[in-house]
Amino acid sequence: MNLDDFSDLIERPDGGLRRDAEERRERFVVPPGALGRLDELGEWLSAAQQAVPVRPIEQPRVLLFAGDHGVASLGVSGRAAGSAHELVRATLEGATPLAVLARRFSVPVRIVDAGLDCDPELLPEQVVRTRVRRGSGRIDIENALTAEEAERAVRLGMAIADEEADSGTDLVVLGDLSVGGTTAAATLIAALCGTDASVVTGRGGAGIDDLAWMRKCAAIRDALRRARPVLGDQLELLATVGGADLAAMTGFLLQSAVRRLPVILDGVVSAACALVGQRAAFRAPDWWLAGQLSGEPAQAKALDRMALNPLLDHGVIVGEGSGALLALPFVQAAAALAAELPERAPASDEDAERDEEDEEKDGEETADSEGAAVGEPAGD
């Protein structure tokens, strides 16, 4: 598999339809620009859907890829290593911010086990059981995945994207349930952006103290030494310093762009996968929205590199898709306004004749005043 092949498969949203949507927007009773970014989103959705007026977002879904990372054993996370399955169970039991919001917004949640480090019996029945391997390797000293596992993970994400597109999902809120995932994500972003570990090291969704931050920074520094020699091959990069969940998310993002399925990105993990995807197919980010600014320095760097402007900046750092889900009503509002706002009534023939007469009269008055001005004698 060569991820660069996606570059030939992904097209940009329809530019002609976007111009049609812009022209339609100019005819609304609400003046252009009065709705701010909602106008831009509505036009983007029209291009993505190939529909003017835009269709409402009626079948969104939250999709979470779950996995454990061996680097968490170094104490770089606020959660215990190998405990991502607890996040999975809590989410499906309705005990997390994401679960509460999804219930309030009536959005279904789908969780995919890409690389959890637990016995399958500990997982609720609703989890999609497609595990590539049990936990990913410790990226500071070893590869996260073998080459074969990395390809399997990417193909897993592609298959999930096809399932969502075929089932009628019209927008995906993408997040992760991982322990150690932000360390792998920061490593990917630092490698692709050519920055040092200290520039991208954040404190994660669970929060860490200064000592843990220093351990995390050191782990990213060591992982970067292993990542830089393989920057020319995105699949090998994911195998070296990514992980099963990150590779699957990258495959999902790329195939979603192929299938013209819009995606809202959440935090630093989804941003890292998107950055890898952009490296493989430069048109792919045109199908993604940045849901929020999470406060992770690596995420801000990745979004800037992809020219994605976050919809929200509200200080939510909990992760797990919560920030991106908060952006969903904003996107739905943009679609509803673009579809349902009335256009100005067209001018009648009588109004058009009156306008022409007024223009002619104004022209005659202008000519008379200019003539008078020319005929006046010059001043002393």
Protein backbone atom coordinates (compact mmCIF):
# COMPACT_ATOMS: atom_id res chain seq x y z
CA MET A 1 0.00 0.00 0.00
CA ASN A 2 1.13 3.53 -0.84
CA LEU A 3 -0.85 6.34 0.76
CA ASP A 4 0.28 8.70 -2.00
CA ASP A 5 -2.16 6.89 -4.31
CA PHE A 6 -4.99 8.74 -2.55
CA SER A 7 -3.83 11.94 -4.22
CA ASP A 8 -5.28 10.72 -7.53
CA LEU A 9 -8.55 9.58 -5.94
CA ILE A 10 -9.53 12.69 -3.98
CA GLU A 11 -11.18 15.66 -5.66
CA ARG A 12 -11.98 19.01 -4.15
CA PRO A 13 -15.59 19.99 -3.32
CA ASP A 14 -17.39 21.32 -6.40
CA GLY A 15 -16.18 24.88 -6.99
CA GLY A 16 -18.94 25.66 -9.49
CA LEU A 17 -21.65 24.73 -7.02
CA ARG A 18 -19.94 26.78 -4.35
CA ARG A 19 -20.16 29.83 -6.62
CA ASP A 20 -23.84 29.04 -7.21
CA ALA A 21 -24.35 28.92 -3.44
CA GLU A 22 -22.56 32.26 -3.06
CA GLU A 23 -24.80 33.86 -5.71
CA ARG A 24 -27.88 32.46 -4.00
CA ARG A 25 -26.66 33.83 -0.66
CA GLU A 26 -26.44 37.32 -2.17
CA ARG A 27 -30.18 37.18 -2.82
CA PHE A 28 -31.15 36.46 0.80
CA VAL A 29 -33.17 38.98 2.77
CA VAL A 30 -30.35 38.93 5.34
CA PRO A 31 -27.43 41.02 3.99
CA PRO A 32 -24.27 39.16 2.93
CA GLY A 33 -21.77 39.00 5.76
CA ALA A 34 -24.37 39.43 8.48
CA LEU A 35 -24.15 35.75 9.44
CA GLY A 36 -20.37 35.68 9.58
CA ARG A 37 -18.80 32.25 9.36
CA LEU A 38 -22.20 30.59 9.00
CA ASP A 39 -22.31 31.87 5.41
CA GLU A 40 -18.94 30.30 4.63
CA LEU A 41 -19.98 26.97 6.15
CA GLY A 42 -23.22 26.88 4.22
CA GLU A 43 -21.41 27.44 0.95
CA TRP A 44 -18.81 24.79 1.83
CA LEU A 45 -21.55 22.28 2.59
CA SER A 46 -23.24 23.01 -0.76
CA ALA A 47 -19.99 22.24 -2.55
CA ALA A 48 -19.41 19.09 -0.50
CA GLN A 49 -22.96 17.83 -1.01
CA GLN A 50 -23.12 18.97 -4.64
CA ALA A 51 -26.48 20.54 -3.85
CA VAL A 52 -27.89 24.08 -4.03
CA PRO A 53 -29.68 24.76 -1.77
CA VAL A 54 -27.75 22.76 0.78
CA ARG A 55 -29.40 19.75 2.41
CA PRO A 56 -29.80 19.73 6.20
CA ILE A 57 -27.43 17.58 8.28
CA GLU A 58 -29.80 14.80 9.33
CA GLN A 59 -27.62 11.73 9.92
CA PRO A 60 -24.47 12.78 11.76
CA ARG A 61 -22.47 10.25 13.75
CA VAL A 62 -19.75 10.38 16.39
CA LEU A 63 -16.95 7.97 15.54
CA LEU A 64 -14.25 7.18 18.11
CA PHE A 65 -11.17 5.05 17.43
CA ALA A 66 -9.85 3.41 20.60
CA GLY A 67 -6.34 2.24 21.41
CA ASP A 68 -3.61 2.00 24.03
CA HIS A 69 -0.03 3.17 23.50
CA GLY A 70 2.99 1.54 25.09
CA VAL A 71 4.62 4.92 25.69
CA ALA A 72 2.03 5.53 28.42
CA SER A 73 4.03 3.16 30.63
CA LEU A 74 6.57 6.00 31.03
CA GLY A 75 4.05 8.04 33.01
CA VAL A 76 3.35 10.57 30.26
CA SER A 77 -0.43 10.49 30.70
CA GLY A 78 -2.84 11.43 33.44
CA ARG A 79 -4.34 7.95 33.11
CA ALA A 80 -2.82 4.57 33.84
CA ALA A 81 -1.25 2.70 30.94
CA GLY A 82 -3.63 0.20 29.35
CA SER A 83 -6.77 1.80 30.75
CA ALA A 84 -8.37 3.07 27.54
CA HIS A 85 -11.01 0.33 27.80
CA GLU A 86 -12.31 2.14 30.90
CA LEU A 87 -12.94 5.23 28.75
CA VAL A 88 -14.76 3.06 26.24
CA ARG A 89 -17.04 1.56 28.88
CA ALA A 90 -17.70 4.92 30.54
CA THR A 91 -18.64 6.46 27.20
CA LEU A 92 -21.08 3.71 26.30
CA GLU A 93 -22.57 3.83 29.80
CA GLY A 94 -23.25 7.56 29.38
CA ALA A 95 -20.80 8.73 32.03
CA THR A 96 -18.51 11.02 29.98
CA PRO A 97 -18.97 14.56 28.62
CA LEU A 98 -19.09 13.16 25.08
CA ALA A 99 -21.81 10.71 26.05
CA VAL A 100 -23.91 13.43 27.70
CA LEU A 101 -23.61 15.71 24.69
CA ALA A 102 -24.36 12.93 22.22
CA ARG A 103 -27.47 12.04 24.19
CA ARG A 104 -28.57 15.68 24.31
CA PHE A 105 -27.98 16.18 20.56
CA SER A 106 -29.44 12.75 19.67
CA VAL A 107 -26.30 11.73 17.80
CA PRO A 108 -25.34 8.02 17.73
CA VAL A 109 -21.85 7.05 18.93
CA ARG A 110 -19.76 4.32 17.33
CA ILE A 111 -16.55 3.08 18.96
CA VAL A 112 -13.96 1.07 17.03
CA ASP A 113 -11.39 -1.06 18.89
CA ALA A 114 -8.26 -0.59 16.81
CA GLY A 115 -5.64 -1.38 19.43
CA LEU A 116 -6.94 -1.62 22.99
CA ASP A 117 -4.74 -3.42 25.53
CA CYS A 118 -7.36 -5.45 27.35
CA ASP A 119 -9.22 -8.74 27.23
CA PRO A 120 -12.15 -8.55 24.79
CA GLU A 121 -14.49 -9.68 27.58
CA LEU A 122 -14.00 -6.29 29.28
CA LEU A 123 -15.58 -4.44 26.37
CA PRO A 124 -19.30 -3.75 25.95
CA GLU A 125 -21.04 -5.54 23.10
CA GLN A 126 -21.57 -2.30 21.15
CA VAL A 127 -17.83 -1.89 20.45
CA VAL A 128 -16.75 -2.67 16.88
CA ARG A 129 -14.24 -5.49 17.46
CA THR A 130 -11.65 -5.01 14.74
CA ARG A 131 -8.48 -4.92 16.82
CA VAL A 132 -5.25 -4.83 14.81
CA ARG A 133 -3.10 -5.68 17.81
CA ARG A 134 -3.23 -5.51 21.59
CA GLY A 135 -1.71 -2.10 22.34
CA SER A 136 0.87 -0.25 20.26
CA GLY A 137 4.62 -0.38 20.85
CA ARG A 138 6.64 2.08 22.94
CA ILE A 139 7.56 4.58 20.26
CA ASP A 140 10.59 6.01 22.05
CA ILE A 141 12.48 2.71 21.71
CA GLU A 142 10.51 0.53 19.25
CA ASN A 143 8.05 0.71 16.40
CA ALA A 144 4.41 1.18 17.26
CA LEU A 145 3.38 -1.38 14.60
CA THR A 146 4.86 -3.72 12.08
CA ALA A 147 4.49 -2.76 8.42
CA GLU A 148 1.75 -5.37 8.01
CA GLU A 149 -0.13 -4.11 11.07
CA ALA A 150 0.07 -0.52 9.85
CA GLU A 151 -1.47 -1.49 6.52
CA ARG A 152 -4.20 -3.50 8.27
CA ALA A 153 -5.01 -0.51 10.46
CA VAL A 154 -5.25 1.88 7.52
CA ARG A 155 -7.48 -0.56 5.65
CA LEU A 156 -9.64 -0.88 8.77
CA GLY A 157 -10.21 2.88 8.75
CA MET A 158 -10.99 2.82 5.04
CA ALA A 159 -13.56 0.06 5.56
CA ILE A 160 -15.24 2.05 8.37
CA ALA A 161 -15.43 5.10 6.09
CA ASP A 162 -17.10 3.05 3.38
CA GLU A 163 -19.59 1.64 5.90
CA GLU A 164 -20.51 5.11 7.11
CA ALA A 165 -20.88 6.54 3.61
CA ASP A 166 -22.95 3.56 2.45
CA SER A 167 -25.25 3.77 5.49
CA GLY A 168 -26.24 7.36 4.74
CA THR A 169 -24.15 9.17 7.34
CA ASP A 170 -23.84 12.76 6.10
CA LEU A 171 -21.26 14.09 8.56
CA VAL A 172 -18.84 12.44 11.01
CA VAL A 173 -17.59 13.85 14.31
CA LEU A 174 -14.20 12.17 14.69
CA GLY A 175 -12.42 11.57 17.99
CA ASP A 176 -10.31 9.08 19.90
CA LEU A 177 -10.34 7.14 23.16
CA SER A 178 -6.70 6.51 23.94
CA VAL A 179 -4.08 6.53 26.66
CA GLY A 180 -0.75 7.82 25.40
CA GLY A 181 -2.27 8.91 22.10
CA THR A 182 -1.37 12.59 22.47
CA THR A 183 2.31 11.63 22.79
CA ALA A 184 2.23 9.73 19.51
CA ALA A 185 0.21 12.52 17.88
CA ALA A 186 2.65 15.21 19.00
CA THR A 187 5.52 13.14 17.63
CA LEU A 188 3.87 12.86 14.23
CA ILE A 189 3.17 16.59 14.09
CA ALA A 190 6.68 17.55 15.20
CA ALA A 191 8.18 15.25 12.59
CA LEU A 192 5.98 16.55 9.76
CA CYS A 193 6.38 20.21 10.75
CA GLY A 194 10.09 20.00 11.48
CA THR A 195 9.88 21.28 15.06
CA ASP A 196 11.41 20.26 18.38
CA ALA A 197 9.73 18.17 21.06
CA SER A 198 9.32 21.07 23.50
CA VAL A 199 7.30 23.04 20.92
CA VAL A 200 4.60 20.38 20.58
CA THR A 201 4.42 18.81 24.04
CA GLY A 202 1.13 19.51 25.79
CA ARG A 203 -0.53 18.19 28.92
CA GLY A 204 -3.20 15.98 27.36
CA GLY A 205 -6.90 15.74 28.06
CA ALA A 206 -6.45 14.31 31.57
CA GLY A 207 -3.78 16.84 32.53
CA ILE A 208 -0.28 16.09 33.81
CA ASP A 209 2.09 17.78 36.24
CA ASP A 210 5.46 19.29 35.38
CA LEU A 211 7.43 16.09 35.98
CA ALA A 212 5.12 14.09 33.72
CA TRP A 213 5.38 16.86 31.11
CA MET A 214 9.18 16.54 31.15
CA ARG A 215 8.92 12.76 30.76
CA LYS A 216 6.52 13.25 27.87
CA CYS A 217 8.83 15.78 26.23
CA ALA A 218 11.76 13.36 26.52
CA ALA A 219 9.70 10.51 25.05
CA ILE A 220 8.68 12.68 22.07
CA ARG A 221 12.31 13.75 21.59
CA ASP A 222 13.45 10.13 21.48
CA ALA A 223 10.60 9.12 19.20
CA LEU A 224 11.43 11.99 16.85
CA ARG A 225 14.90 10.58 16.31
CA ARG A 226 13.27 7.41 15.06
CA ALA A 227 10.62 9.23 12.98
CA ARG A 228 12.80 11.58 10.93
CA PRO A 229 14.50 8.89 8.80
CA VAL A 230 11.12 7.59 7.55
CA LEU A 231 9.40 10.89 6.73
CA GLY A 232 9.29 10.02 3.03
CA ASP A 233 6.80 7.18 3.58
CA GLN A 234 3.60 8.03 5.49
CA LEU A 235 2.68 4.40 6.11
CA GLU A 236 6.11 3.65 7.53
CA LEU A 237 5.87 6.80 9.65
CA LEU A 238 2.60 5.58 11.17
CA ALA A 239 4.16 2.19 11.84
CA THR A 240 7.21 3.76 13.47
CA VAL A 241 5.70 6.40 15.78
CA GLY A 242 1.91 6.22 15.29
CA GLY A 243 -0.23 3.38 16.52
CA ALA A 244 -3.14 1.21 15.47
CA ASP A 245 -5.79 3.81 16.31
CA LEU A 246 -3.90 6.64 14.61
CA ALA A 247 -3.26 4.59 11.47
CA ALA A 248 -6.93 3.60 11.34
CA MET A 249 -8.02 7.22 11.74
CA THR A 250 -5.70 8.26 8.92
CA GLY A 251 -7.19 5.63 6.65
CA PHE A 252 -10.67 6.73 7.66
CA LEU A 253 -9.96 10.39 6.88
CA LEU A 254 -8.48 9.66 3.47
CA GLN A 255 -11.26 7.31 2.41
CA SER A 256 -13.90 9.73 3.72
CA ALA A 257 -12.46 12.36 1.39
CA VAL A 258 -12.65 9.86 -1.47
CA ARG A 259 -16.31 9.21 -0.59
CA ARG A 260 -17.07 12.96 -0.22
CA LEU A 261 -18.04 12.49 3.44
CA PRO A 262 -17.38 15.64 5.55
CA VAL A 263 -15.60 15.18 8.89
CA ILE A 264 -15.29 17.40 11.96
CA LEU A 265 -11.90 16.93 13.65
CA ASP A 266 -11.63 17.03 17.44
CA GLY A 267 -8.25 17.45 19.12
CA VAL A 268 -4.56 16.81 18.65
CA VAL A 269 -4.90 13.11 17.76
CA SER A 270 -7.32 13.65 14.87
CA ALA A 271 -5.27 16.68 13.78
CA ALA A 272 -2.13 14.54 13.62
CA CYS A 273 -3.86 11.93 11.51
CA ALA A 274 -5.23 14.67 9.25
CA LEU A 275 -1.72 16.08 8.82
CA VAL A 276 -0.43 12.66 7.75
CA GLY A 277 -3.40 12.47 5.36
CA GLN A 278 -2.59 15.88 3.91
CA ARG A 279 0.99 14.76 3.31
CA ALA A 280 -0.39 11.88 1.23
CA ALA A 281 -3.17 13.79 -0.57
CA PHE A 282 -3.00 17.60 -0.54
CA ARG A 283 -6.68 18.03 -1.47
CA ALA A 284 -7.98 15.90 1.42
CA PRO A 285 -8.22 18.72 4.03
CA ASP A 286 -10.87 20.40 1.88
CA TRP A 287 -13.27 17.77 3.26
CA TRP A 288 -12.51 18.40 6.92
CA LEU A 289 -13.52 20.99 9.49
CA ALA A 290 -11.56 21.78 12.66
CA GLY A 291 -14.17 21.61 15.38
CA GLN A 292 -12.29 23.34 18.16
CA LEU A 293 -8.99 24.65 19.45
CA SER A 294 -8.08 22.26 22.25
CA GLY A 295 -5.14 24.15 23.75
CA GLU A 296 -2.61 21.47 22.71
CA PRO A 297 0.31 23.26 21.01
CA ALA A 298 0.77 20.44 18.52
CA GLN A 299 -2.84 20.71 17.39
CA ALA A 300 -2.52 24.44 16.71
CA LYS A 301 0.62 23.82 14.65
CA ALA A 302 -1.05 21.05 12.62
CA LEU A 303 -4.18 23.11 11.90
CA ASP A 304 -2.06 26.06 10.83
CA ARG A 305 -0.11 23.82 8.46
CA MET A 306 -3.38 22.58 6.91
CA ALA A 307 -4.94 26.07 6.86
CA LEU A 308 -7.92 24.85 8.93
CA ASN A 309 -9.55 27.53 11.07
CA PRO A 310 -11.23 26.08 14.21
CA LEU A 311 -14.94 26.71 14.54
CA LEU A 312 -14.82 27.07 18.33
CA ASP A 313 -12.30 28.17 20.95
CA HIS A 314 -13.96 27.49 24.28
CA GLY A 315 -11.22 25.97 26.43
CA VAL A 316 -12.56 22.39 26.34
CA ILE A 317 -9.55 20.08 26.76
CA VAL A 318 -11.27 16.86 27.83
CA GLY A 319 -10.88 15.32 24.36
CA GLU A 320 -12.74 12.14 23.39
CA GLY A 321 -14.62 14.02 20.65
CA SER A 322 -16.39 16.43 23.01
CA GLY A 323 -15.11 19.66 21.49
CA ALA A 324 -15.87 18.56 17.94
CA LEU A 325 -19.37 17.48 18.95
CA LEU A 326 -20.00 20.93 20.41
CA ALA A 327 -19.28 22.32 16.95
CA LEU A 328 -21.91 20.11 15.30
CA PRO A 329 -24.92 22.37 16.11
CA PHE A 330 -23.00 25.28 14.58
CA VAL A 331 -22.55 23.35 11.34
CA GLN A 332 -26.19 22.21 11.41
CA ALA A 333 -27.27 25.83 11.92
CA ALA A 334 -25.24 26.89 8.88
CA ALA A 335 -26.95 24.24 6.77
CA ALA A 336 -30.41 25.19 8.02
CA LEU A 337 -29.90 28.91 7.36
CA ALA A 338 -28.47 28.31 3.89
CA ALA A 339 -31.40 26.05 3.01
CA GLU A 340 -34.33 27.89 4.58
CA LEU A 341 -33.69 31.64 4.59
CA PRO A 342 -35.98 33.36 2.05
CA GLU A 343 -34.66 35.24 -0.94
CA ARG A 344 -35.60 38.81 -1.75
CA ALA A 345 -38.66 39.11 -3.95
CA PRO A 346 -37.72 39.83 -7.58
CA ALA A 347 -38.50 43.32 -8.78
CA SER A 348 -41.74 43.64 -10.80
CA ASP A 349 -41.84 45.13 -14.32
CA GLU A 350 -43.41 48.32 -12.91
CA ASP A 351 -40.59 48.66 -10.37
CA ALA A 352 -38.00 48.08 -13.09
CA GLU A 353 -39.56 50.82 -15.30
CA ARG A 354 -39.67 53.22 -12.35
CA ASP A 355 -36.00 52.54 -11.64
CA GLU A 356 -35.11 53.21 -15.28
CA GLU A 357 -37.06 56.50 -15.24
CA ASP A 358 -35.33 57.55 -12.02
CA GLU A 359 -31.93 56.76 -13.53
CA GLU A 360 -32.73 58.78 -16.67
CA LYS A 361 -33.94 61.69 -14.58
CA ASP A 362 -30.83 61.59 -12.44
CA GLY A 363 -28.72 61.55 -15.61
CA GLU A 364 -30.49 64.63 -17.04
CA GLU A 365 -30.10 66.53 -13.79
CA THR A 366 -26.41 65.69 -13.67
CA ALA A 367 -25.91 66.87 -17.25
CA ASP A 368 -27.76 70.15 -16.57
CA SER A 369 -25.70 70.88 -13.49
CA GLU A 370 -22.47 70.14 -15.33
CA GLY A 371 -23.50 72.39 -18.21
CA ALA A 372 -24.32 75.22 -15.84
CA ALA A 373 -21.01 74.82 -14.16
CA VAL A 374 -19.17 75.05 -17.49
CA GLY A 375 -21.08 78.20 -18.56
CA GLU A 376 -20.37 80.17 -15.36
CA PRO A 377 -17.81 82.94 -15.65
CA ALA A 378 -14.50 82.41 -13.95
CA GLY A 379 -14.06 84.08 -10.60
CA ASP A 380 -11.95 87.22 -10.06
